[in-house]
């Protein structure tokens, strides 16, 4: 994942309507388009979660008392930053519409022969 944080800073985090004809593109199949966007959204989501947990682990303190809660300003700032990042579906849809995704489908003949 190449510097997703700097790329998503310019994205609008709210949901915007999209033209379906533009989204479908050349394959003319909305289901394939949505499958590509969904798969990429899951990848982005997993990568962002891993990155967030790694950064938060740096500030983790092990204590014996359960009641002790330490607020760390750096930890809070990191969490707020990741909360402001747009949804992974918005990120992957933007990548798809800007032709930044490279994908391929498995052989379709295999699926049609089973019918």
C-alpha atoms as a PDB file:
ATOM      1  CA  UNK A   1       0.000   0.000   0.000  1.00  0.00           C
ATOM      2  CA  UNK A   2       1.739   3.147  -1.147  1.00  0.00           C
ATOM      3  CA  UNK A   3       1.243   6.002   1.287  1.00  0.00           C
ATOM      4  CA  UNK A   4      -2.522   5.737   1.578  1.00  0.00           C
ATOM      5  CA  UNK A   5      -2.595   8.320   4.352  1.00  0.00           C
ATOM      6  CA  UNK A   6      -1.344  11.173   2.190  1.00  0.00           C
ATOM      7  CA  UNK A   7      -3.639  10.167  -0.672  1.00  0.00           C
ATOM      8  CA  UNK A   8      -6.837  10.053   1.386  1.00  0.00           C
ATOM      9  CA  UNK A   9      -6.288  13.477   2.929  1.00  0.00           C
ATOM     10  CA  UNK A  10      -7.839  15.084  -0.151  1.00  0.00           C
ATOM     11  CA  UNK A  11     -10.810  12.681  -0.325  1.00  0.00           C
ATOM     12  CA  UNK A  12     -14.216  13.771   0.851  1.00  0.00           C
ATOM     13  CA  UNK A  13     -15.191  11.357   3.661  1.00  0.00           C
ATOM     14  CA  UNK A  14     -18.906  11.672   2.955  1.00  0.00           C
ATOM     15  CA  UNK A  15     -20.693   9.498   0.434  1.00  0.00           C
ATOM     16  CA  UNK A  16     -21.219  11.069  -2.988  1.00  0.00           C
ATOM     17  CA  UNK A  17     -23.503   9.822  -5.787  1.00  0.00           C
ATOM     18  CA  UNK A  18     -21.680   8.220  -8.704  1.00  0.00           C
ATOM     19  CA  UNK A  19     -22.697   7.766 -12.318  1.00  0.00           C
ATOM     20  CA  UNK A  20     -23.244   4.039 -12.825  1.00  0.00           C
ATOM     21  CA  UNK A  21     -22.247   4.129 -16.511  1.00  0.00           C
ATOM     22  CA  UNK A  22     -18.876   5.618 -15.561  1.00  0.00           C
ATOM     23  CA  UNK A  23     -18.393   3.082 -12.775  1.00  0.00           C
ATOM     24  CA  UNK A  24     -19.233   0.076 -14.905  1.00  0.00           C
ATOM     25  CA  UNK A  25     -16.749   1.111 -17.554  1.00  0.00           C
ATOM     26  CA  UNK A  26     -15.841  -1.272 -20.318  1.00  0.00           C
ATOM     27  CA  UNK A  27     -16.979  -4.614 -18.879  1.00  0.00           C
ATOM     28  CA  UNK A  28     -20.625  -3.518 -18.691  1.00  0.00           C
ATOM     29  CA  UNK A  29     -21.195  -5.699 -15.650  1.00  0.00           C
ATOM     30  CA  UNK A  30     -22.052  -3.957 -12.386  1.00  0.00           C
ATOM     31  CA  UNK A  31     -21.496  -7.119 -10.344  1.00  0.00           C
ATOM     32  CA  UNK A  32     -17.905  -7.507 -11.517  1.00  0.00           C
ATOM     33  CA  UNK A  33     -17.279  -3.822 -10.834  1.00  0.00           C
ATOM     34  CA  UNK A  34     -18.662  -4.092  -7.319  1.00  0.00           C
ATOM     35  CA  UNK A  35     -16.672  -7.271  -6.702  1.00  0.00           C
ATOM     36  CA  UNK A  36     -13.434  -5.479  -7.591  1.00  0.00           C
ATOM     37  CA  UNK A  37     -14.263  -2.465  -5.406  1.00  0.00           C
ATOM     38  CA  UNK A  38     -15.355  -4.658  -2.495  1.00  0.00           C
ATOM     39  CA  UNK A  39     -12.236  -6.824  -2.603  1.00  0.00           C
ATOM     40  CA  UNK A  40      -9.986  -3.754  -2.624  1.00  0.00           C
ATOM     41  CA  UNK A  41     -11.999  -2.166   0.222  1.00  0.00           C
ATOM     42  CA  UNK A  42     -11.373  -5.244   2.363  1.00  0.00           C
ATOM     43  CA  UNK A  43      -7.640  -5.077   1.604  1.00  0.00           C
ATOM     44  CA  UNK A  44      -7.494  -1.372   2.513  1.00  0.00           C
ATOM     45  CA  UNK A  45      -9.449  -1.983   5.704  1.00  0.00           C
ATOM     46  CA  UNK A  46      -7.135  -4.785   6.840  1.00  0.00           C
ATOM     47  CA  UNK A  47      -4.023  -2.726   6.054  1.00  0.00           C
ATOM     48  CA  UNK A  48      -5.317   0.313   7.932  1.00  0.00           C
ATOM     49  CA  UNK A  49      -6.268  -1.778  10.971  1.00  0.00           C
ATOM     50  CA  UNK A  50      -2.844  -3.433  11.078  1.00  0.00           C
ATOM     51  CA  UNK A  51      -1.120  -0.077  10.818  1.00  0.00           C
ATOM     52  CA  UNK A  52      -3.301   1.456  13.542  1.00  0.00           C
ATOM     53  CA  UNK A  53      -2.751  -1.436  15.948  1.00  0.00           C
ATOM     54  CA  UNK A  54       1.006  -1.349  15.357  1.00  0.00           C
ATOM     55  CA  UNK A  55       1.130   2.359  16.151  1.00  0.00           C
ATOM     56  CA  UNK A  56      -1.035   1.993  19.242  1.00  0.00           C
ATOM     57  CA  UNK A  57       1.065  -0.919  20.524  1.00  0.00           C
ATOM     58  CA  UNK A  58       4.047   1.408  20.740  1.00  0.00           C
ATOM     59  CA  UNK A  59       2.258   3.271  23.526  1.00  0.00           C
ATOM     60  CA  UNK A  60       0.842   0.221  25.295  1.00  0.00           C
ATOM     61  CA  UNK A  61       1.792  -0.088  28.927  1.00  0.00           C
ATOM     62  CA  UNK A  62       1.386  -3.318  30.806  1.00  0.00           C
ATOM     63  CA  UNK A  63       0.102  -2.848  34.342  1.00  0.00           C
ATOM     64  CA  UNK A  64      -1.291  -5.252  36.874  1.00  0.00           C
ATOM     65  CA  UNK A  65      -4.157  -3.055  37.996  1.00  0.00           C
ATOM     66  CA  UNK A  66      -7.198  -3.136  35.758  1.00  0.00           C
ATOM     67  CA  UNK A  67      -8.496   0.154  37.155  1.00  0.00           C
ATOM     68  CA  UNK A  68      -5.507   2.140  35.981  1.00  0.00           C
ATOM     69  CA  UNK A  69      -6.198   3.932  32.731  1.00  0.00           C
ATOM     70  CA  UNK A  70      -3.528   6.161  31.288  1.00  0.00           C
ATOM     71  CA  UNK A  71      -4.406   8.710  28.675  1.00  0.00           C
ATOM     72  CA  UNK A  72      -1.640   9.304  26.234  1.00  0.00           C
ATOM     73  CA  UNK A  73      -2.008  12.371  24.014  1.00  0.00           C
ATOM     74  CA  UNK A  74      -0.086  10.785  21.142  1.00  0.00           C
ATOM     75  CA  UNK A  75      -2.312   7.735  21.281  1.00  0.00           C
ATOM     76  CA  UNK A  76      -5.420   9.928  21.199  1.00  0.00           C
ATOM     77  CA  UNK A  77      -4.112  11.913  18.230  1.00  0.00           C
ATOM     78  CA  UNK A  78      -3.325   8.738  16.288  1.00  0.00           C
ATOM     79  CA  UNK A  79      -6.811   7.391  16.973  1.00  0.00           C
ATOM     80  CA  UNK A  80      -8.442  10.661  15.891  1.00  0.00           C
ATOM     81  CA  UNK A  81      -6.427  10.676  12.676  1.00  0.00           C
ATOM     82  CA  UNK A  82      -7.603   7.175  11.747  1.00  0.00           C
ATOM     83  CA  UNK A  83     -11.193   8.102  12.604  1.00  0.00           C
ATOM     84  CA  UNK A  84     -11.057  10.982  10.110  1.00  0.00           C
ATOM     85  CA  UNK A  85      -9.833   8.763   7.266  1.00  0.00           C
ATOM     86  CA  UNK A  86     -12.646   8.038   4.790  1.00  0.00           C
ATOM     87  CA  UNK A  87     -14.305   4.643   4.728  1.00  0.00           C
ATOM     88  CA  UNK A  88     -12.341   1.957   2.898  1.00  0.00           C
ATOM     89  CA  UNK A  89     -15.119   1.631   0.300  1.00  0.00           C
ATOM     90  CA  UNK A  90     -14.785   5.334  -0.551  1.00  0.00           C
ATOM     91  CA  UNK A  91     -11.019   4.914  -0.880  1.00  0.00           C
ATOM     92  CA  UNK A  92     -11.287   1.848  -3.116  1.00  0.00           C
ATOM     93  CA  UNK A  93     -14.006   3.423  -5.283  1.00  0.00           C
ATOM     94  CA  UNK A  94     -11.781   6.459  -5.809  1.00  0.00           C
ATOM     95  CA  UNK A  95      -8.887   4.171  -6.776  1.00  0.00           C
ATOM     96  CA  UNK A  96     -11.153   2.307  -9.205  1.00  0.00           C
ATOM     97  CA  UNK A  97     -12.495   5.460 -10.840  1.00  0.00           C
ATOM     98  CA  UNK A  98      -8.964   6.881 -11.201  1.00  0.00           C
ATOM     99  CA  UNK A  99      -7.725   3.639 -12.843  1.00  0.00           C
ATOM    100  CA  UNK A 100      -5.301   2.930  -9.987  1.00  0.00           C
ATOM    101  CA  UNK A 101      -6.513  -0.654  -9.508  1.00  0.00           C
ATOM    102  CA  UNK A 102      -5.131  -3.537 -11.529  1.00  0.00           C
ATOM    103  CA  UNK A 103      -7.287  -6.631 -11.502  1.00  0.00           C
ATOM    104  CA  UNK A 104      -8.040  -9.726 -13.519  1.00  0.00           C
ATOM    105  CA  UNK A 105     -10.804 -12.278 -13.448  1.00  0.00           C
ATOM    106  CA  UNK A 106     -10.449 -16.017 -13.497  1.00  0.00           C
ATOM    107  CA  UNK A 107     -11.456 -17.946 -16.581  1.00  0.00           C
ATOM    108  CA  UNK A 108     -15.213 -17.413 -17.115  1.00  0.00           C
ATOM    109  CA  UNK A 109     -15.559 -20.530 -19.273  1.00  0.00           C
ATOM    110  CA  UNK A 110     -15.063 -22.671 -16.203  1.00  0.00           C
ATOM    111  CA  UNK A 111     -18.135 -21.137 -14.555  1.00  0.00           C
ATOM    112  CA  UNK A 112     -20.377 -21.354 -17.597  1.00  0.00           C
ATOM    113  CA  UNK A 113     -19.552 -24.998 -18.325  1.00  0.00           C
ATOM    114  CA  UNK A 114     -20.894 -26.083 -14.927  1.00  0.00           C
ATOM    115  CA  UNK A 115     -24.440 -24.868 -15.728  1.00  0.00           C
END
